[in-house]
N, C-alpha and C. Protein backbone atom coordinates (compact mmCIF):
# COMPACT_ATOMS: atom_id res chain seq x y z
N GLY A 1 66.76 88.49 -82.50
CA GLY A 1 66.51 89.57 -81.64
C GLY A 1 65.13 89.51 -81.04
N VAL A 2 64.93 90.39 -80.12
CA VAL A 2 63.66 90.52 -79.43
C VAL A 2 62.84 91.59 -80.12
N ALA A 3 61.60 91.27 -80.45
CA ALA A 3 60.72 92.24 -81.10
C ALA A 3 60.36 93.33 -80.11
N SER A 4 60.29 94.54 -80.62
CA SER A 4 59.93 95.67 -79.78
C SER A 4 58.58 96.20 -80.23
N TYR A 5 57.66 96.31 -79.32
CA TYR A 5 56.33 96.80 -79.63
C TYR A 5 56.14 98.16 -78.99
N PRO A 6 55.43 99.04 -79.67
CA PRO A 6 55.20 100.36 -79.07
C PRO A 6 54.27 100.23 -77.87
N PRO A 7 54.38 101.15 -76.92
CA PRO A 7 53.48 101.09 -75.76
C PRO A 7 52.05 101.38 -76.20
N PRO A 8 51.05 100.88 -75.47
CA PRO A 8 49.66 101.15 -75.83
C PRO A 8 49.36 102.64 -75.69
N PRO A 9 48.42 103.13 -76.49
CA PRO A 9 48.08 104.55 -76.39
C PRO A 9 47.50 104.87 -75.01
N THR A 10 47.78 106.06 -74.54
CA THR A 10 47.30 106.45 -73.21
C THR A 10 46.17 107.46 -73.30
N THR A 11 45.80 107.87 -74.50
CA THR A 11 44.70 108.81 -74.66
C THR A 11 43.70 108.24 -75.66
N GLY A 12 42.50 108.77 -75.63
CA GLY A 12 41.50 108.36 -76.61
C GLY A 12 40.51 107.34 -76.08
N PHE A 13 40.83 106.66 -75.00
CA PHE A 13 39.89 105.71 -74.41
C PHE A 13 40.22 105.55 -72.93
N SER A 14 39.25 105.04 -72.22
CA SER A 14 39.52 104.76 -70.81
C SER A 14 39.01 103.36 -70.51
N ALA A 15 39.73 102.66 -69.70
CA ALA A 15 39.34 101.30 -69.33
C ALA A 15 38.42 101.34 -68.13
N ALA A 16 37.30 100.64 -68.24
CA ALA A 16 36.37 100.55 -67.11
C ALA A 16 36.91 99.51 -66.14
N PRO A 17 36.75 99.73 -64.87
CA PRO A 17 37.21 98.72 -63.91
C PRO A 17 36.44 97.42 -64.09
N VAL A 18 37.12 96.33 -63.96
CA VAL A 18 36.50 95.02 -64.11
C VAL A 18 36.12 94.52 -62.72
N PRO A 19 34.82 94.19 -62.53
CA PRO A 19 34.42 93.71 -61.20
C PRO A 19 34.98 92.32 -60.94
N PRO A 20 35.23 91.98 -59.69
CA PRO A 20 35.71 90.64 -59.37
C PRO A 20 34.67 89.59 -59.77
N ILE A 21 35.13 88.38 -60.04
CA ILE A 21 34.26 87.30 -60.50
C ILE A 21 33.12 87.04 -59.52
N ALA A 22 33.38 87.15 -58.23
CA ALA A 22 32.33 86.92 -57.24
C ALA A 22 31.19 87.92 -57.41
N ALA A 23 31.54 89.17 -57.76
CA ALA A 23 30.51 90.18 -57.98
C ALA A 23 29.69 89.85 -59.23
N LEU A 24 30.36 89.35 -60.26
CA LEU A 24 29.65 88.97 -61.49
C LEU A 24 28.69 87.82 -61.21
N ILE A 25 29.14 86.83 -60.45
CA ILE A 25 28.29 85.69 -60.13
C ILE A 25 27.12 86.14 -59.27
N ALA A 26 27.37 86.99 -58.31
CA ALA A 26 26.29 87.48 -57.44
C ALA A 26 25.26 88.24 -58.27
N ARG A 27 25.74 89.06 -59.20
CA ARG A 27 24.81 89.80 -60.05
C ARG A 27 24.01 88.85 -60.92
N GLU A 28 24.67 87.84 -61.46
CA GLU A 28 24.00 86.85 -62.32
C GLU A 28 22.94 86.09 -61.53
N THR A 29 23.28 85.64 -60.34
CA THR A 29 22.33 84.85 -59.57
C THR A 29 21.22 85.69 -58.97
N SER A 30 21.46 86.99 -58.77
CA SER A 30 20.41 87.82 -58.21
C SER A 30 19.31 88.09 -59.22
N THR A 31 19.64 88.05 -60.50
CA THR A 31 18.64 88.31 -61.54
C THR A 31 18.17 87.03 -62.23
N THR A 32 18.74 85.91 -61.86
CA THR A 32 18.42 84.64 -62.49
C THR A 32 18.03 83.63 -61.42
N SER A 33 17.02 82.85 -61.71
CA SER A 33 16.60 81.85 -60.73
C SER A 33 17.67 80.77 -60.59
N ALA A 34 17.67 80.09 -59.48
CA ALA A 34 18.64 79.01 -59.24
C ALA A 34 18.50 77.93 -60.30
N ALA A 35 17.29 77.67 -60.74
CA ALA A 35 17.07 76.65 -61.77
C ALA A 35 17.78 77.01 -63.07
N GLN A 36 17.76 78.29 -63.43
CA GLN A 36 18.43 78.71 -64.66
C GLN A 36 19.95 78.65 -64.51
N VAL A 37 20.45 79.00 -63.34
CA VAL A 37 21.89 78.99 -63.11
C VAL A 37 22.43 77.56 -63.19
N THR A 38 21.70 76.58 -62.67
CA THR A 38 22.17 75.20 -62.64
C THR A 38 21.71 74.38 -63.83
N LYS A 39 21.00 74.98 -64.76
CA LYS A 39 20.43 74.21 -65.87
C LYS A 39 21.48 73.38 -66.61
N HIS A 40 22.63 73.97 -66.90
CA HIS A 40 23.67 73.24 -67.62
C HIS A 40 24.16 72.02 -66.84
N ALA A 41 24.15 72.11 -65.52
CA ALA A 41 24.61 71.00 -64.69
C ALA A 41 23.54 69.92 -64.54
N ARG A 42 22.31 70.26 -64.87
CA ARG A 42 21.21 69.30 -64.74
C ARG A 42 20.85 68.63 -66.06
N ARG A 43 21.51 69.03 -67.16
CA ARG A 43 21.21 68.45 -68.47
C ARG A 43 22.22 67.39 -68.84
N VAL A 44 21.73 66.31 -69.40
CA VAL A 44 22.58 65.19 -69.80
C VAL A 44 22.32 64.87 -71.27
N PHE A 45 23.40 64.78 -72.03
CA PHE A 45 23.32 64.33 -73.43
C PHE A 45 23.23 62.82 -73.41
N VAL A 46 22.31 62.27 -74.21
CA VAL A 46 22.14 60.83 -74.31
C VAL A 46 22.41 60.43 -75.76
N GLY A 47 23.48 59.71 -75.99
CA GLY A 47 23.83 59.24 -77.33
C GLY A 47 23.42 57.79 -77.52
N GLY A 48 23.38 57.37 -78.77
CA GLY A 48 23.04 55.98 -79.07
C GLY A 48 21.59 55.64 -78.83
N VAL A 49 20.73 56.64 -78.96
CA VAL A 49 19.29 56.42 -78.75
C VAL A 49 18.75 55.61 -79.93
N PRO A 50 18.10 54.48 -79.65
CA PRO A 50 17.57 53.65 -80.75
C PRO A 50 16.48 54.37 -81.54
N VAL A 51 16.43 54.10 -82.83
CA VAL A 51 15.38 54.66 -83.68
C VAL A 51 14.03 54.27 -83.11
N GLY A 52 13.11 55.21 -83.08
CA GLY A 52 11.77 54.95 -82.55
C GLY A 52 11.61 55.30 -81.09
N THR A 53 12.70 55.66 -80.42
CA THR A 53 12.60 56.05 -79.01
C THR A 53 11.82 57.36 -78.91
N THR A 54 10.88 57.41 -78.00
CA THR A 54 10.10 58.63 -77.81
C THR A 54 10.62 59.39 -76.58
N GLU A 55 10.23 60.64 -76.47
CA GLU A 55 10.61 61.43 -75.30
C GLU A 55 10.05 60.80 -74.03
N ASP A 56 8.82 60.31 -74.11
CA ASP A 56 8.21 59.69 -72.93
C ASP A 56 8.93 58.41 -72.52
N SER A 57 9.35 57.58 -73.50
CA SER A 57 10.04 56.34 -73.14
C SER A 57 11.43 56.64 -72.55
N LEU A 58 12.10 57.70 -73.03
CA LEU A 58 13.39 58.09 -72.46
C LEU A 58 13.21 58.57 -71.02
N LYS A 59 12.17 59.37 -70.80
CA LYS A 59 11.84 59.87 -69.46
C LYS A 59 11.55 58.69 -68.53
N GLU A 60 10.73 57.75 -68.99
CA GLU A 60 10.38 56.59 -68.15
C GLU A 60 11.61 55.77 -67.81
N PHE A 61 12.52 55.61 -68.78
CA PHE A 61 13.75 54.85 -68.52
C PHE A 61 14.54 55.47 -67.38
N PHE A 62 14.81 56.78 -67.47
CA PHE A 62 15.62 57.43 -66.44
C PHE A 62 14.90 57.50 -65.10
N ASP A 63 13.61 57.80 -65.11
CA ASP A 63 12.87 57.83 -63.85
C ASP A 63 12.91 56.46 -63.17
N ASP A 64 12.67 55.40 -63.93
CA ASP A 64 12.65 54.06 -63.37
C ASP A 64 14.05 53.65 -62.88
N ALA A 65 15.06 53.92 -63.68
CA ALA A 65 16.43 53.53 -63.31
C ALA A 65 16.89 54.26 -62.05
N LEU A 66 16.62 55.57 -61.98
CA LEU A 66 17.02 56.32 -60.78
C LEU A 66 16.25 55.86 -59.55
N ARG A 67 14.98 55.55 -59.73
CA ARG A 67 14.18 55.06 -58.61
C ARG A 67 14.76 53.74 -58.08
N ARG A 68 15.14 52.84 -58.99
CA ARG A 68 15.65 51.52 -58.60
C ARG A 68 16.97 51.58 -57.83
N VAL A 69 17.82 52.55 -58.19
CA VAL A 69 19.12 52.63 -57.51
C VAL A 69 19.13 53.64 -56.37
N GLY A 70 17.99 54.25 -56.09
CA GLY A 70 17.92 55.23 -55.01
C GLY A 70 18.58 56.55 -55.36
N GLY A 71 18.58 56.89 -56.65
CA GLY A 71 19.25 58.10 -57.11
C GLY A 71 18.36 59.31 -57.24
N MET A 72 17.10 59.22 -56.78
CA MET A 72 16.18 60.35 -56.87
C MET A 72 16.26 61.21 -55.61
N SER A 73 16.05 62.51 -55.79
CA SER A 73 15.96 63.40 -54.63
C SER A 73 14.63 63.14 -53.93
N SER A 74 14.51 63.60 -52.70
CA SER A 74 13.26 63.37 -51.96
C SER A 74 12.08 64.04 -52.65
N GLU A 75 12.31 65.21 -53.24
CA GLU A 75 11.23 65.89 -53.97
C GLU A 75 10.80 65.08 -55.19
N SER A 76 11.77 64.49 -55.90
CA SER A 76 11.44 63.67 -57.07
C SER A 76 10.71 62.41 -56.66
N GLU A 77 11.13 61.81 -55.54
CA GLU A 77 10.44 60.61 -55.05
C GLU A 77 9.00 60.92 -54.70
N ALA A 78 8.77 62.11 -54.15
CA ALA A 78 7.42 62.49 -53.73
C ALA A 78 6.47 62.59 -54.92
N ASP A 79 6.94 63.15 -56.04
CA ASP A 79 6.02 63.26 -57.19
C ASP A 79 6.30 62.22 -58.27
N GLY A 80 7.29 61.34 -58.04
CA GLY A 80 7.51 60.20 -58.92
C GLY A 80 8.33 60.46 -60.16
N THR A 81 8.89 61.65 -60.32
CA THR A 81 9.70 61.91 -61.51
C THR A 81 10.89 62.80 -61.20
N SER A 82 12.02 62.46 -61.78
CA SER A 82 13.20 63.31 -61.65
C SER A 82 13.47 64.06 -62.95
N VAL A 83 12.87 63.60 -64.05
CA VAL A 83 13.05 64.23 -65.36
C VAL A 83 12.04 65.36 -65.49
N ILE A 84 12.56 66.59 -65.72
CA ILE A 84 11.65 67.72 -65.85
C ILE A 84 11.54 68.21 -67.30
N ASP A 85 12.48 67.79 -68.16
CA ASP A 85 12.39 68.13 -69.58
C ASP A 85 13.18 67.11 -70.37
N LYS A 86 12.76 66.90 -71.61
CA LYS A 86 13.44 65.91 -72.44
C LYS A 86 13.29 66.29 -73.91
N PHE A 87 14.26 65.83 -74.70
CA PHE A 87 14.23 66.03 -76.15
C PHE A 87 14.88 64.81 -76.77
N VAL A 88 14.27 64.28 -77.82
CA VAL A 88 14.83 63.13 -78.52
C VAL A 88 14.80 63.38 -80.02
N ASN A 89 15.91 63.07 -80.68
CA ASN A 89 15.96 63.00 -82.13
C ASN A 89 16.40 61.58 -82.43
N SER A 90 15.45 60.66 -82.44
CA SER A 90 15.80 59.24 -82.57
C SER A 90 16.33 58.92 -83.96
N ALA A 91 15.94 59.70 -84.96
CA ALA A 91 16.47 59.46 -86.31
C ALA A 91 17.98 59.69 -86.34
N ARG A 92 18.46 60.62 -85.53
CA ARG A 92 19.89 60.90 -85.46
C ARG A 92 20.55 60.26 -84.25
N GLY A 93 19.76 59.59 -83.42
CA GLY A 93 20.30 58.80 -82.34
C GLY A 93 20.78 59.54 -81.11
N PHE A 94 20.14 60.65 -80.77
CA PHE A 94 20.54 61.36 -79.55
C PHE A 94 19.37 62.01 -78.88
N GLY A 95 19.59 62.44 -77.66
CA GLY A 95 18.58 63.16 -76.90
C GLY A 95 19.23 63.94 -75.77
N PHE A 96 18.44 64.75 -75.12
CA PHE A 96 18.86 65.48 -73.92
C PHE A 96 17.81 65.26 -72.86
N VAL A 97 18.25 65.09 -71.63
CA VAL A 97 17.34 64.93 -70.51
C VAL A 97 17.75 65.95 -69.46
N GLU A 98 16.77 66.71 -68.96
CA GLU A 98 17.02 67.65 -67.88
C GLU A 98 16.40 67.12 -66.61
N PHE A 99 17.23 67.04 -65.57
CA PHE A 99 16.79 66.50 -64.30
C PHE A 99 16.47 67.62 -63.32
N ARG A 100 15.75 67.28 -62.27
CA ARG A 100 15.35 68.25 -61.25
C ARG A 100 16.58 68.82 -60.53
N THR A 101 17.59 67.97 -60.27
CA THR A 101 18.79 68.43 -59.55
C THR A 101 20.05 67.99 -60.29
N ALA A 102 21.14 68.68 -60.02
CA ALA A 102 22.44 68.31 -60.60
C ALA A 102 22.88 66.95 -60.08
N THR A 103 22.52 66.62 -58.85
CA THR A 103 22.87 65.31 -58.29
C THR A 103 22.18 64.19 -59.06
N GLU A 104 20.92 64.39 -59.41
CA GLU A 104 20.21 63.38 -60.20
C GLU A 104 20.85 63.23 -61.58
N ALA A 105 21.26 64.33 -62.18
CA ALA A 105 21.94 64.27 -63.48
C ALA A 105 23.24 63.48 -63.35
N SER A 106 23.97 63.73 -62.29
CA SER A 106 25.22 63.00 -62.05
C SER A 106 24.94 61.52 -61.84
N ASN A 107 23.91 61.20 -61.08
CA ASN A 107 23.53 59.80 -60.87
C ASN A 107 23.14 59.14 -62.18
N ALA A 108 22.45 59.87 -63.05
CA ALA A 108 22.03 59.31 -64.34
C ALA A 108 23.23 59.02 -65.23
N MET A 109 24.29 59.82 -65.10
CA MET A 109 25.47 59.58 -65.94
C MET A 109 26.17 58.28 -65.58
N ALA A 110 25.85 57.74 -64.42
CA ALA A 110 26.41 56.44 -64.03
C ALA A 110 25.84 55.32 -64.89
N PHE A 111 24.76 55.59 -65.60
CA PHE A 111 24.15 54.59 -66.49
C PHE A 111 24.82 54.57 -67.86
N ASP A 112 25.92 55.26 -68.02
CA ASP A 112 26.64 55.29 -69.29
C ASP A 112 26.88 53.86 -69.78
N GLY A 113 26.41 53.59 -70.98
CA GLY A 113 26.57 52.25 -71.56
C GLY A 113 25.49 51.27 -71.20
N ALA A 114 24.43 51.74 -70.51
CA ALA A 114 23.37 50.84 -70.05
C ALA A 114 22.56 50.26 -71.20
N LEU A 115 22.42 50.98 -72.28
CA LEU A 115 21.62 50.46 -73.40
C LEU A 115 22.49 50.17 -74.57
């Protein structure tokens, strides 16, 4: 048979209207800088980091590699770096690199398997 469930209660609470997703995004972006909104798209997980790798050497690797393949934004080319933040845990073999733009992060992911 088909299970029968009682109808939801109609008293005791009221449902607030849910704003459309576009309104939520607009509210989020109006109070948050564009850099914060795109941060997740600009961060890249780097696995297989050799023991002894430093944050600076990881930054230099990505800056140099992006420069060589023309993967830097014009702003990054002007100041010579596309990496704006980095973290390395070489003992555990991983790191995170945050790039200036989501496009640079995407370009960096093309280096998958480079080391």
